[in-house]
N, C-alpha and C. Protein backbone atom coordinates (compact mmCIF):
# COMPACT_ATOMS: atom_id res chain seq x y z
N MET A 1 -17.09 -98.71 15.34
CA MET A 1 -17.07 -97.88 14.02
C MET A 1 -15.89 -97.20 13.56
N ALA A 2 -15.46 -97.05 12.72
CA ALA A 2 -13.95 -96.59 12.13
C ALA A 2 -13.78 -94.88 12.59
N ASP A 3 -13.08 -94.28 12.26
CA ASP A 3 -12.95 -92.74 12.18
C ASP A 3 -13.87 -92.29 11.49
N ASN A 4 -14.52 -90.98 11.51
CA ASN A 4 -15.28 -90.25 10.81
C ASN A 4 -15.07 -90.28 9.24
N LYS A 5 -13.76 -89.90 9.16
CA LYS A 5 -13.14 -89.59 7.89
C LYS A 5 -13.01 -91.24 7.15
N SER A 6 -13.16 -92.28 7.60
CA SER A 6 -12.54 -93.84 7.07
C SER A 6 -13.73 -94.12 6.73
N THR A 7 -14.98 -93.88 7.82
CA THR A 7 -16.20 -94.71 7.72
C THR A 7 -17.02 -94.03 6.45
N ARG A 8 -16.98 -92.75 6.30
CA ARG A 8 -17.45 -91.63 5.37
C ARG A 8 -16.92 -91.90 3.89
N GLU A 9 -15.57 -92.41 3.95
CA GLU A 9 -14.68 -93.04 2.77
C GLU A 9 -15.42 -94.25 2.21
N GLN A 10 -15.90 -94.99 3.35
CA GLN A 10 -15.79 -96.43 3.42
C GLN A 10 -17.67 -96.57 2.25
N ILE A 11 -18.52 -95.65 2.99
CA ILE A 11 -19.67 -95.03 2.28
C ILE A 11 -19.57 -95.11 0.92
N ILE A 12 -18.89 -93.83 0.77
CA ILE A 12 -18.91 -93.63 -0.41
C ILE A 12 -18.42 -94.61 -1.68
N GLU A 13 -17.14 -94.84 -1.20
CA GLU A 13 -16.48 -96.25 -2.18
C GLU A 13 -17.95 -97.07 -2.21
N ALA A 14 -18.42 -97.64 -1.40
CA ALA A 14 -19.67 -98.77 -1.54
C ALA A 14 -20.80 -98.13 -2.24
N ALA A 15 -20.64 -97.05 -2.21
CA ALA A 15 -22.03 -96.18 -3.54
C ALA A 15 -21.74 -96.14 -4.38
N LEU A 16 -19.99 -96.00 -5.10
CA LEU A 16 -19.36 -95.63 -6.21
C LEU A 16 -19.52 -97.11 -6.56
N GLU A 17 -19.57 -98.51 -6.12
CA GLU A 17 -18.72 -99.90 -6.58
C GLU A 17 -20.32 -99.86 -6.59
N ILE A 18 -21.48 -99.97 -6.17
CA ILE A 18 -23.03 -100.42 -6.41
C ILE A 18 -23.51 -99.18 -7.63
N LEU A 19 -23.19 -97.74 -7.82
CA LEU A 19 -23.65 -97.37 -8.68
C LEU A 19 -22.50 -97.92 -10.34
N SER A 20 -21.46 -98.36 -9.67
CA SER A 20 -20.50 -98.62 -11.15
C SER A 20 -21.47 -99.67 -11.83
N LYS A 21 -22.02 -100.88 -10.90
CA LYS A 21 -22.84 -101.62 -11.85
C LYS A 21 -24.17 -101.30 -12.39
N LYS A 22 -24.49 -100.31 -11.80
CA LYS A 22 -25.84 -100.27 -12.47
C LYS A 22 -26.12 -99.49 -13.54
N ALA A 23 -27.29 -99.75 -14.50
CA ALA A 23 -27.63 -98.64 -15.39
C ALA A 23 -28.11 -97.31 -15.71
N SER A 24 -28.52 -96.88 -14.21
CA SER A 24 -28.58 -95.42 -13.57
C SER A 24 -28.31 -95.11 -12.53
N PHE A 25 -28.04 -94.14 -11.96
CA PHE A 25 -27.51 -93.63 -10.99
C PHE A 25 -28.68 -93.78 -9.62
N GLN A 26 -29.21 -95.06 -9.22
CA GLN A 26 -29.80 -94.90 -8.65
C GLN A 26 -29.26 -96.16 -7.58
N LEU A 27 -29.70 -96.33 -6.54
CA LEU A 27 -28.82 -97.52 -5.36
C LEU A 27 -30.30 -97.12 -4.23
N THR A 28 -29.63 -97.98 -3.20
CA THR A 28 -30.76 -98.33 -2.47
C THR A 28 -29.52 -97.80 -0.97
N THR A 29 -30.36 -97.68 0.22
CA THR A 29 -29.85 -97.37 1.42
C THR A 29 -29.11 -98.89 1.78
N ARG A 30 -30.60 -99.89 1.65
CA ARG A 30 -29.90 -101.29 2.43
C ARG A 30 -28.17 -101.49 1.80
N GLU A 31 -28.70 -101.68 0.00
CA GLU A 31 -27.27 -101.73 -0.56
C GLU A 31 -26.58 -101.47 -0.10
N VAL A 32 -26.14 -99.95 0.12
CA VAL A 32 -24.99 -99.26 0.42
C VAL A 32 -24.19 -100.27 1.91
N VAL A 33 -25.23 -99.96 3.36
CA VAL A 33 -24.69 -100.42 4.30
C VAL A 33 -24.73 -101.96 4.24
N GLU A 34 -25.07 -102.70 3.17
CA GLU A 34 -24.32 -103.85 3.36
C GLU A 34 -22.81 -104.20 2.64
N LYS A 35 -22.98 -103.24 1.71
CA LYS A 35 -21.73 -103.28 0.83
C LYS A 35 -20.61 -102.30 1.86
N ALA A 36 -20.69 -101.75 2.54
CA ALA A 36 -20.43 -101.12 3.46
C ALA A 36 -19.77 -101.31 5.13
N ASN A 37 -20.46 -102.12 4.95
CA ASN A 37 -20.50 -102.98 5.93
C ASN A 37 -20.39 -101.87 7.28
N VAL A 38 -21.48 -101.06 7.49
CA VAL A 38 -22.20 -100.23 8.57
C VAL A 38 -23.82 -100.15 8.59
N ASN A 39 -24.03 -99.68 9.18
CA ASN A 39 -25.40 -99.25 9.78
C ASN A 39 -26.15 -98.10 9.16
N ILE A 40 -27.08 -98.30 8.85
CA ILE A 40 -28.04 -96.87 8.60
C ILE A 40 -28.17 -95.94 9.25
N ALA A 41 -28.04 -95.70 10.21
CA ALA A 41 -27.88 -94.51 10.77
C ALA A 41 -26.16 -94.03 10.41
N ALA A 42 -25.16 -94.49 10.50
CA ALA A 42 -24.10 -93.89 9.73
C ALA A 42 -24.83 -93.49 8.46
N VAL A 43 -25.09 -93.86 7.20
CA VAL A 43 -25.49 -93.28 6.02
C VAL A 43 -26.54 -92.08 6.37
N ASN A 44 -27.31 -92.45 7.03
CA ASN A 44 -28.02 -91.24 7.85
C ASN A 44 -27.19 -89.99 7.96
N TYR A 45 -26.26 -90.18 9.29
CA TYR A 45 -25.45 -89.39 10.03
C TYR A 45 -24.74 -88.67 8.64
N TYR A 46 -23.88 -88.93 8.01
CA TYR A 46 -22.86 -88.32 7.12
C TYR A 46 -23.58 -87.65 5.84
N PHE A 47 -24.39 -88.54 5.49
CA PHE A 47 -25.38 -88.06 3.77
C PHE A 47 -26.78 -87.52 4.33
N GLY A 48 -27.71 -87.78 5.41
CA GLY A 48 -28.11 -87.27 5.18
C GLY A 48 -29.54 -87.95 4.15
N SER A 49 -29.49 -88.11 3.35
CA SER A 49 -30.61 -88.34 2.11
C SER A 49 -29.53 -89.84 1.02
N LYS A 50 -30.30 -90.62 0.74
CA LYS A 50 -29.80 -90.98 -0.67
C LYS A 50 -29.20 -90.40 -1.41
N ASP A 51 -30.12 -89.49 -1.86
CA ASP A 51 -29.93 -88.22 -3.01
C ASP A 51 -28.51 -87.60 -3.06
N ASN A 52 -28.53 -87.29 -1.54
CA ASN A 52 -27.12 -86.62 -0.92
C ASN A 52 -26.06 -87.46 -1.29
N LEU A 53 -26.23 -88.21 -1.00
CA LEU A 53 -25.03 -89.74 -1.17
C LEU A 53 -24.61 -89.75 -2.45
N ILE A 54 -25.55 -89.95 -3.02
CA ILE A 54 -25.16 -90.16 -4.53
C ILE A 54 -24.09 -89.43 -5.17
N GLU A 55 -25.00 -88.07 -4.70
CA GLU A 55 -23.96 -86.31 -5.24
C GLU A 55 -23.09 -86.65 -5.06
N GLN A 56 -22.56 -86.45 -3.22
CA GLN A 56 -21.51 -87.14 -2.88
C GLN A 56 -20.41 -87.76 -3.52
N ALA A 57 -20.91 -88.92 -3.76
CA ALA A 57 -20.27 -89.83 -4.34
C ALA A 57 -19.58 -89.58 -5.66
N ILE A 58 -20.47 -88.59 -6.12
CA ILE A 58 -20.29 -88.32 -8.04
C ILE A 58 -18.88 -86.82 -7.79
N GLU A 59 -19.33 -86.50 -6.22
CA GLU A 59 -18.58 -85.24 -6.47
C GLU A 59 -17.09 -85.62 -5.80
N PHE A 60 -16.66 -86.85 -5.36
CA PHE A 60 -15.42 -87.82 -4.43
C PHE A 60 -15.05 -87.94 -5.74
N LEU A 61 -15.51 -88.43 -6.69
CA LEU A 61 -14.94 -89.01 -8.37
C LEU A 61 -14.56 -88.28 -8.70
N LEU A 62 -15.11 -87.28 -9.25
CA LEU A 62 -15.01 -86.00 -9.73
C LEU A 62 -13.60 -85.38 -9.35
N LYS A 63 -13.70 -85.16 -7.49
CA LYS A 63 -12.75 -84.82 -7.37
C LYS A 63 -11.29 -85.33 -7.45
N LYS A 64 -11.15 -86.86 -7.86
CA LYS A 64 -10.28 -87.10 -7.91
C LYS A 64 -9.84 -87.40 -9.57
N LEU A 65 -10.81 -87.08 -10.15
CA LEU A 65 -10.56 -86.50 -12.13
C LEU A 65 -10.08 -85.39 -12.05
N TYR A 66 -10.32 -84.15 -11.21
CA TYR A 66 -9.78 -83.22 -11.32
C TYR A 66 -8.21 -83.48 -11.05
N GLU A 67 -8.05 -84.11 -10.04
CA GLU A 67 -6.48 -84.30 -9.50
C GLU A 67 -5.97 -84.70 -10.84
N ILE A 68 -6.47 -85.49 -11.19
CA ILE A 68 -5.42 -86.32 -12.41
C ILE A 68 -5.42 -85.37 -13.82
N LEU A 69 -6.27 -84.57 -13.70
CA LEU A 69 -6.60 -83.57 -15.41
C LEU A 69 -6.03 -81.97 -14.84
N ASN A 70 -5.61 -81.66 -13.53
CA ASN A 70 -4.57 -80.91 -12.96
C ASN A 70 -3.26 -80.78 -13.61
N GLU A 71 -2.95 -82.14 -13.49
CA GLU A 71 -1.28 -82.60 -13.51
C GLU A 71 -1.40 -82.39 -15.21
N MET A 72 -2.24 -82.40 -15.91
CA MET A 72 -2.28 -82.09 -17.52
C MET A 72 -2.10 -79.97 -17.75
N LYS A 73 -2.00 -79.57 -16.52
CA LYS A 73 -1.75 -78.02 -16.93
C LYS A 73 -0.17 -77.81 -16.90
N ASP A 74 0.72 -78.62 -16.15
CA ASP A 74 1.88 -78.85 -15.65
C ASP A 74 3.17 -78.44 -16.93
N ASP A 75 2.88 -77.53 -17.45
CA ASP A 75 4.08 -77.06 -18.64
C ASP A 75 5.64 -77.23 -18.86
N SER A 76 6.21 -78.35 -17.56
CA SER A 76 7.14 -78.78 -17.29
C SER A 76 7.32 -80.07 -18.15
N VAL A 77 5.82 -80.30 -18.00
CA VAL A 77 6.01 -81.78 -18.79
C VAL A 77 6.13 -81.98 -20.54
N PRO A 78 6.20 -82.44 -20.96
CA PRO A 78 6.09 -82.63 -22.69
C PRO A 78 4.66 -83.01 -22.77
N PRO A 79 3.87 -82.40 -24.04
CA PRO A 79 2.51 -82.32 -23.84
C PRO A 79 2.35 -84.25 -24.48
N LYS A 80 2.84 -84.76 -24.96
CA LYS A 80 2.41 -86.11 -25.39
C LYS A 80 2.65 -87.34 -24.39
N LYS A 81 3.25 -86.59 -23.56
CA LYS A 81 3.96 -87.27 -22.20
C LYS A 81 2.96 -86.77 -21.07
N ARG A 82 2.16 -85.23 -20.95
CA ARG A 82 0.73 -85.50 -20.01
C ARG A 82 -0.49 -86.07 -20.53
N LEU A 83 -0.75 -86.30 -21.86
CA LEU A 83 -1.48 -86.73 -22.48
C LEU A 83 -1.59 -88.14 -21.92
N TYR A 84 -0.51 -88.80 -22.57
CA TYR A 84 -0.41 -89.84 -21.88
C TYR A 84 -0.66 -90.17 -20.61
N ASN A 85 -0.32 -89.60 -19.30
CA ASN A 85 -0.26 -89.98 -18.37
C ASN A 85 -1.19 -89.61 -17.49
N PHE A 86 -2.36 -88.30 -18.25
CA PHE A 86 -3.66 -88.49 -17.87
C PHE A 86 -4.71 -89.77 -18.24
N SER A 87 -4.17 -89.79 -19.77
CA SER A 87 -5.00 -91.06 -19.93
C SER A 87 -4.70 -92.46 -18.95
N PHE A 88 -3.45 -92.52 -18.85
CA PHE A 88 -3.16 -93.71 -18.16
C PHE A 88 -4.71 -93.89 -16.88
N LYS A 89 -4.00 -92.44 -16.17
CA LYS A 89 -4.77 -92.38 -15.23
C LYS A 89 -6.27 -92.02 -14.84
N PHE A 90 -6.70 -91.82 -15.91
CA PHE A 90 -8.10 -91.59 -16.44
C PHE A 90 -8.90 -93.07 -16.36
N LEU A 91 -7.98 -93.87 -17.15
CA LEU A 91 -8.31 -95.37 -17.51
C LEU A 91 -8.84 -96.28 -16.21
N GLU A 92 -7.43 -95.80 -15.45
CA GLU A 92 -7.51 -96.31 -14.33
C GLU A 92 -8.04 -96.54 -13.53
N LEU A 93 -8.77 -94.80 -13.30
CA LEU A 93 -10.06 -94.67 -12.85
C LEU A 93 -11.49 -95.48 -12.93
N THR A 94 -11.76 -94.91 -14.22
CA THR A 94 -12.47 -95.21 -14.61
C THR A 94 -13.02 -96.64 -15.07
N ASP A 95 -12.18 -97.17 -14.96
CA ASP A 95 -11.62 -99.06 -14.87
C ASP A 95 -12.53 -99.57 -13.78
N LYS A 96 -12.32 -98.63 -12.15
CA LYS A 96 -12.48 -99.17 -11.05
C LYS A 96 -14.46 -98.90 -10.66
N TYR A 97 -14.79 -97.95 -11.71
CA TYR A 97 -16.19 -97.59 -11.75
C TYR A 97 -16.95 -97.62 -13.25
N PRO A 98 -16.87 -98.77 -14.22
CA PRO A 98 -16.97 -98.13 -15.98
C PRO A 98 -18.61 -97.94 -15.90
N GLY A 99 -19.46 -98.33 -14.98
CA GLY A 99 -21.05 -98.39 -15.05
C GLY A 99 -20.84 -96.58 -14.90
N ILE A 100 -20.44 -95.74 -13.83
CA ILE A 100 -20.16 -94.10 -13.54
C ILE A 100 -20.51 -93.35 -14.65
N VAL A 101 -19.23 -93.92 -16.09
CA VAL A 101 -19.03 -93.38 -16.67
C VAL A 101 -19.92 -93.93 -18.10
N LYS A 102 -20.38 -94.60 -18.01
CA LYS A 102 -22.41 -94.94 -18.94
C LYS A 102 -22.99 -94.02 -18.30
N ASN A 103 -23.25 -94.15 -17.17
CA ASN A 103 -24.56 -93.18 -16.48
C ASN A 103 -24.31 -91.38 -16.95
N ILE A 104 -23.11 -90.95 -16.57
CA ILE A 104 -22.30 -89.31 -17.20
C ILE A 104 -22.60 -89.70 -18.48
N VAL A 105 -22.40 -90.33 -19.73
CA VAL A 105 -22.67 -90.32 -20.39
C VAL A 105 -23.89 -90.20 -20.72
N SER A 106 -24.74 -91.09 -20.46
CA SER A 106 -26.31 -91.26 -20.74
C SER A 106 -27.13 -90.27 -20.22
N THR A 107 -26.31 -89.16 -18.80
CA THR A 107 -27.17 -88.11 -18.24
C THR A 107 -27.15 -86.94 -19.38
N LEU A 108 -25.61 -86.52 -19.70
CA LEU A 108 -25.49 -85.49 -20.64
C LEU A 108 -26.04 -85.59 -21.74
N MET A 109 -26.25 -86.79 -22.63
CA MET A 109 -26.86 -87.19 -23.89
C MET A 109 -27.92 -86.62 -23.82
N PHE A 110 -28.86 -87.20 -22.27
CA PHE A 110 -30.07 -87.28 -22.68
C PHE A 110 -30.93 -85.50 -21.67
N GLU A 111 -29.61 -85.45 -21.39
CA GLU A 111 -30.27 -84.30 -19.91
C GLU A 111 -30.86 -84.48 -18.89
N GLU A 112 -31.00 -85.66 -18.30
CA GLU A 112 -31.76 -86.60 -17.07
C GLU A 112 -30.85 -85.90 -16.13
N ASN A 113 -31.19 -85.11 -15.52
CA ASN A 113 -30.87 -84.67 -13.76
C ASN A 113 -29.64 -84.85 -13.68
N THR A 114 -28.70 -83.75 -14.75
CA THR A 114 -27.61 -84.02 -14.53
C THR A 114 -26.90 -83.33 -13.90
N SER A 115 -25.65 -83.70 -13.04
CA SER A 115 -25.57 -83.21 -11.59
C SER A 115 -24.88 -81.72 -12.28
N GLU A 116 -24.90 -81.10 -11.74
CA GLU A 116 -24.33 -79.57 -11.63
C GLU A 116 -22.52 -79.71 -11.86
N SER A 117 -22.03 -80.47 -11.04
CA SER A 117 -20.78 -80.56 -10.69
C SER A 117 -20.16 -81.29 -12.21
N ILE A 118 -20.93 -82.08 -12.50
CA ILE A 118 -20.74 -82.90 -14.03
C ILE A 118 -20.77 -81.44 -15.22
N LYS A 119 -21.80 -81.23 -15.04
CA LYS A 119 -22.24 -80.22 -16.61
C LYS A 119 -21.09 -78.75 -16.30
N LYS A 120 -20.05 -78.57 -14.56
CA LYS A 120 -19.46 -77.87 -15.06
C LYS A 120 -18.22 -78.44 -15.27
N MET A 121 -17.80 -79.45 -14.81
CA MET A 121 -16.71 -80.20 -15.52
C MET A 121 -16.31 -80.44 -16.86
N ILE A 122 -17.31 -80.46 -17.72
CA ILE A 122 -17.52 -81.03 -19.10
C ILE A 122 -16.22 -80.09 -19.66
N PRO A 123 -16.77 -78.50 -19.73
CA PRO A 123 -16.41 -77.74 -20.60
C PRO A 123 -14.80 -77.24 -20.09
N GLU A 124 -14.74 -77.39 -18.57
CA GLU A 124 -12.96 -77.50 -18.17
C GLU A 124 -12.16 -78.65 -18.70
N PHE A 125 -12.67 -80.30 -18.42
CA PHE A 125 -12.41 -81.04 -19.15
C PHE A 125 -11.97 -80.76 -20.54
N THR A 126 -12.54 -79.96 -21.53
CA THR A 126 -12.54 -80.36 -23.21
C THR A 126 -11.51 -79.28 -23.22
N SER A 127 -11.55 -78.47 -22.34
CA SER A 127 -10.56 -77.03 -22.51
C SER A 127 -9.22 -77.45 -22.25
N ILE A 128 -9.07 -78.24 -20.76
CA ILE A 128 -7.68 -78.75 -20.91
C ILE A 128 -7.30 -79.85 -21.69
N VAL A 129 -7.98 -80.69 -22.40
CA VAL A 129 -7.42 -81.32 -23.11
C VAL A 129 -7.11 -80.64 -24.71
N SER A 130 -8.09 -80.08 -24.77
CA SER A 130 -7.56 -79.12 -26.14
C SER A 130 -6.82 -78.12 -25.72
N ASP A 131 -6.66 -77.80 -24.93
CA ASP A 131 -5.51 -76.79 -24.59
C ASP A 131 -3.68 -78.01 -25.42
N VAL A 132 -3.45 -79.18 -24.81
CA VAL A 132 -2.97 -79.82 -24.86
C VAL A 132 -2.56 -80.47 -26.06
N ILE A 133 -3.17 -80.41 -26.45
CA ILE A 133 -3.18 -81.44 -27.54
C ILE A 133 -2.79 -80.16 -28.52
N ARG A 134 -3.21 -78.96 -28.68
CA ARG A 134 -2.98 -77.58 -29.65
C ARG A 134 -1.46 -77.66 -29.49
N GLN A 135 -1.13 -77.99 -28.26
CA GLN A 135 0.67 -77.87 -28.15
C GLN A 135 1.05 -79.07 -28.89
N LEU A 136 0.35 -80.24 -28.74
CA LEU A 136 1.06 -81.34 -29.72
C LEU A 136 1.41 -81.30 -30.75
N SER A 137 -0.08 -80.56 -31.53
CA SER A 137 -0.46 -80.75 -32.79
C SER A 137 0.27 -79.59 -34.04
N PRO A 138 0.68 -79.97 -35.67
CA PRO A 138 1.44 -79.38 -35.81
C PRO A 138 0.40 -77.93 -36.10
N LYS A 139 0.77 -77.31 -36.16
CA LYS A 139 0.09 -75.83 -36.86
C LYS A 139 -0.57 -75.84 -38.35
N ASP A 140 -0.42 -76.50 -39.23
CA ASP A 140 -0.88 -76.88 -40.23
C ASP A 140 -1.64 -77.84 -40.20
N ARG A 141 -2.70 -78.31 -39.32
CA ARG A 141 -3.06 -79.15 -39.33
C ARG A 141 -4.23 -79.54 -40.21
N LYS A 142 -5.02 -80.40 -40.92
CA LYS A 142 -5.82 -80.50 -41.61
C LYS A 142 -7.13 -80.34 -41.21
N TYR A 143 -7.42 -80.73 -39.56
CA TYR A 143 -8.61 -80.47 -39.10
C TYR A 143 -8.67 -79.55 -37.89
N PRO A 144 -9.51 -79.10 -37.71
CA PRO A 144 -9.14 -78.05 -36.04
C PRO A 144 -8.91 -78.93 -34.40
N VAL A 145 -8.35 -78.12 -33.71
CA VAL A 145 -8.16 -78.87 -32.50
C VAL A 145 -9.36 -79.45 -32.16
N GLU A 146 -10.41 -78.80 -31.89
CA GLU A 146 -11.43 -79.36 -31.58
C GLU A 146 -11.87 -80.60 -31.95
N TYR A 147 -11.80 -81.18 -33.20
CA TYR A 147 -12.25 -82.28 -34.37
C TYR A 147 -11.18 -83.37 -32.73
N HIS A 148 -9.76 -82.61 -32.66
CA HIS A 148 -8.95 -84.05 -32.31
C HIS A 148 -9.41 -84.09 -31.03
N THR A 149 -10.08 -82.99 -30.37
CA THR A 149 -10.35 -83.28 -28.77
C THR A 149 -11.36 -84.14 -28.63
N SER A 150 -12.49 -83.82 -29.63
CA SER A 150 -13.66 -84.76 -29.56
C SER A 150 -13.38 -86.37 -29.89
N GLN A 151 -12.25 -86.23 -30.64
CA GLN A 151 -11.97 -87.92 -31.08
C GLN A 151 -11.33 -88.51 -30.08
N PHE A 152 -10.08 -87.62 -29.30
CA PHE A 152 -9.41 -88.57 -28.37
C PHE A 152 -10.42 -88.34 -27.04
N ILE A 153 -10.80 -87.78 -26.34
CA ILE A 153 -12.31 -87.75 -25.63
C ILE A 153 -13.12 -88.82 -25.60
N VAL A 154 -13.70 -89.12 -26.87
CA VAL A 154 -14.72 -90.28 -26.99
C VAL A 154 -13.88 -91.87 -26.92
N ASN A 155 -12.73 -91.46 -27.47
CA ASN A 155 -12.00 -92.75 -27.50
C ASN A 155 -11.72 -93.43 -26.37
N LEU A 156 -10.98 -92.04 -25.22
CA LEU A 156 -10.94 -92.22 -23.89
C LEU A 156 -11.79 -92.98 -23.08
N VAL A 157 -13.28 -92.40 -23.41
CA VAL A 157 -14.49 -92.80 -23.03
C VAL A 157 -14.51 -94.74 -23.24
N PHE A 158 -14.43 -95.02 -24.44
CA PHE A 158 -14.88 -95.97 -25.17
C PHE A 158 -14.65 -97.30 -23.96
N PRO A 159 -13.78 -97.86 -24.38
CA PRO A 159 -13.58 -99.03 -22.87
C PRO A 159 -14.49 -99.02 -22.30
N GLN A 160 -15.12 -97.65 -21.40
CA GLN A 160 -15.30 -97.85 -20.42
C GLN A 160 -17.09 -98.43 -20.91
N LEU A 161 -17.19 -97.57 -21.61
CA LEU A 161 -18.97 -97.30 -22.36
C LEU A 161 -19.30 -99.41 -23.02
N PHE A 162 -18.43 -99.43 -23.72
CA PHE A 162 -18.16 -100.83 -24.11
C PHE A 162 -17.61 -102.10 -23.51
N TYR A 163 -17.40 -102.14 -22.06
CA TYR A 163 -16.57 -102.44 -21.46
C TYR A 163 -17.02 -104.08 -21.67
N ASN A 164 -18.35 -104.29 -21.41
CA ASN A 164 -18.61 -105.89 -21.65
C ASN A 164 -18.39 -106.53 -23.22
N SER A 165 -18.27 -105.28 -24.18
CA SER A 165 -18.72 -105.77 -25.68
C SER A 165 -17.04 -106.63 -25.84
N TYR A 166 -16.08 -106.01 -25.31
CA TYR A 166 -14.83 -106.07 -25.50
C TYR A 166 -14.21 -106.72 -24.28
N PRO A 167 -14.54 -108.14 -24.52
CA PRO A 167 -13.93 -108.67 -22.42
C PRO A 167 -12.02 -108.83 -22.96
N THR A 168 -12.26 -109.52 -24.19
CA THR A 168 -10.44 -109.68 -24.37
C THR A 168 -9.32 -108.60 -24.70
N LEU A 169 -10.14 -107.21 -24.90
CA LEU A 169 -9.67 -106.09 -25.30
C LEU A 169 -9.44 -105.28 -23.64
N PHE A 170 -10.42 -105.41 -23.47
CA PHE A 170 -10.05 -104.30 -21.52
C PHE A 170 -10.64 -105.09 -20.48
N ASN A 171 -10.67 -105.77 -20.36
CA ASN A 171 -10.70 -107.33 -18.90
C ASN A 171 -9.96 -108.15 -18.96
N ASP A 172 -9.05 -107.81 -19.80
CA ASP A 172 -7.86 -109.31 -19.26
C ASP A 172 -7.18 -108.68 -18.34
N SER A 173 -7.44 -108.87 -17.13
CA SER A 173 -6.39 -108.62 -16.17
C SER A 173 -5.30 -108.63 -15.70
N ASN A 174 -4.59 -110.08 -16.34
CA ASN A 174 -3.61 -109.99 -16.48
C ASN A 174 -2.34 -109.07 -17.49
N ALA A 175 -3.32 -108.78 -18.49
CA ALA A 175 -2.41 -108.30 -19.48
C ALA A 175 -3.01 -106.22 -19.28
N LYS A 176 -4.25 -106.30 -18.15
CA LYS A 176 -4.41 -104.72 -18.28
C LYS A 176 -3.71 -103.84 -18.36
N ASN A 177 -2.56 -103.34 -18.38
CA ASN A 177 -1.26 -102.44 -17.90
C ASN A 177 -0.92 -102.32 -19.37
N LYS A 178 -0.33 -103.72 -20.13
CA LYS A 178 -0.28 -103.39 -21.48
C LYS A 178 -0.98 -103.46 -22.37
N ILE A 179 -2.07 -103.95 -22.05
CA ILE A 179 -2.81 -103.38 -22.95
C ILE A 179 -3.61 -102.14 -23.21
N ARG A 180 -3.86 -101.57 -22.05
CA ARG A 180 -3.98 -99.81 -21.70
C ARG A 180 -3.19 -99.11 -22.31
N ASN A 181 -1.68 -99.67 -22.00
CA ASN A 181 -0.20 -99.06 -22.24
C ASN A 181 -0.44 -98.66 -24.19
N GLU A 182 -0.68 -99.80 -24.79
CA GLU A 182 -1.19 -100.26 -26.95
C GLU A 182 -2.18 -99.40 -26.72
N TYR A 183 -3.09 -99.33 -25.63
CA TYR A 183 -4.45 -98.29 -26.42
C TYR A 183 -4.21 -96.63 -26.37
N ILE A 184 -3.34 -96.80 -25.53
CA ILE A 184 -3.09 -95.33 -25.01
C ILE A 184 -2.32 -95.02 -26.35
N SER A 185 -1.26 -95.41 -26.30
CA SER A 185 -0.07 -95.18 -27.91
C SER A 185 -0.95 -94.83 -28.89
N PHE A 186 -2.13 -95.47 -29.26
CA PHE A 186 -2.44 -95.51 -30.45
C PHE A 186 -3.70 -94.95 -30.30
N LEU A 187 -4.20 -93.78 -29.10
CA LEU A 187 -4.35 -92.46 -29.49
C LEU A 187 -4.18 -91.61 -29.83
N LEU A 188 -3.15 -91.65 -29.13
CA LEU A 188 -1.68 -90.31 -28.93
C LEU A 188 -1.21 -90.35 -30.52
N ASP A 189 -1.06 -91.67 -31.32
CA ASP A 189 -0.37 -91.51 -32.71
C ASP A 189 -1.88 -91.27 -33.50
N ASN A 190 -3.08 -91.28 -33.00
CA ASN A 190 -3.78 -90.33 -33.96
C ASN A 190 -4.10 -89.00 -34.18
N ILE A 191 -3.26 -88.59 -32.69
CA ILE A 191 -3.97 -87.00 -33.06
C ILE A 191 -3.79 -86.06 -34.24
């Protein structure tokens, strides 16, 4: 077995990959063991239970999201560039785990066992995005910043919610960065 950190992360990555292909936050320990190529004792040692593994996998993903979100607080970078950088990294991260975005949106919509970490992050996420959009938008805008923020976030999440519905737009691996750049430019031009 590899060192503790790499084995733990290997198990988390396997759990995230499995969860990204599911319609809910459900997985079996057997699926994780097979995907991570570890024994069941390792899963039990690091996480204690399947539910704890799921929670820690979500925490791991949220930590990565916080890292890119916190970059938006850097006022030395122009607001449009901060939104662009955040959007690109957000799409890159969520593209790796598209089903998880669907599951988060679903649990938030129906308030079914939504993780406290996710509930806590949403207001902070929208607040940071609103602050940057406020800096970007003219003072005499027709609609409140909250409308622009909601529109931006919904459109940013859209590719992951409808990943399979628009394969030529979002799944073309050869043109992924070009398409991602065009999509983000479109979003920013419409704020």
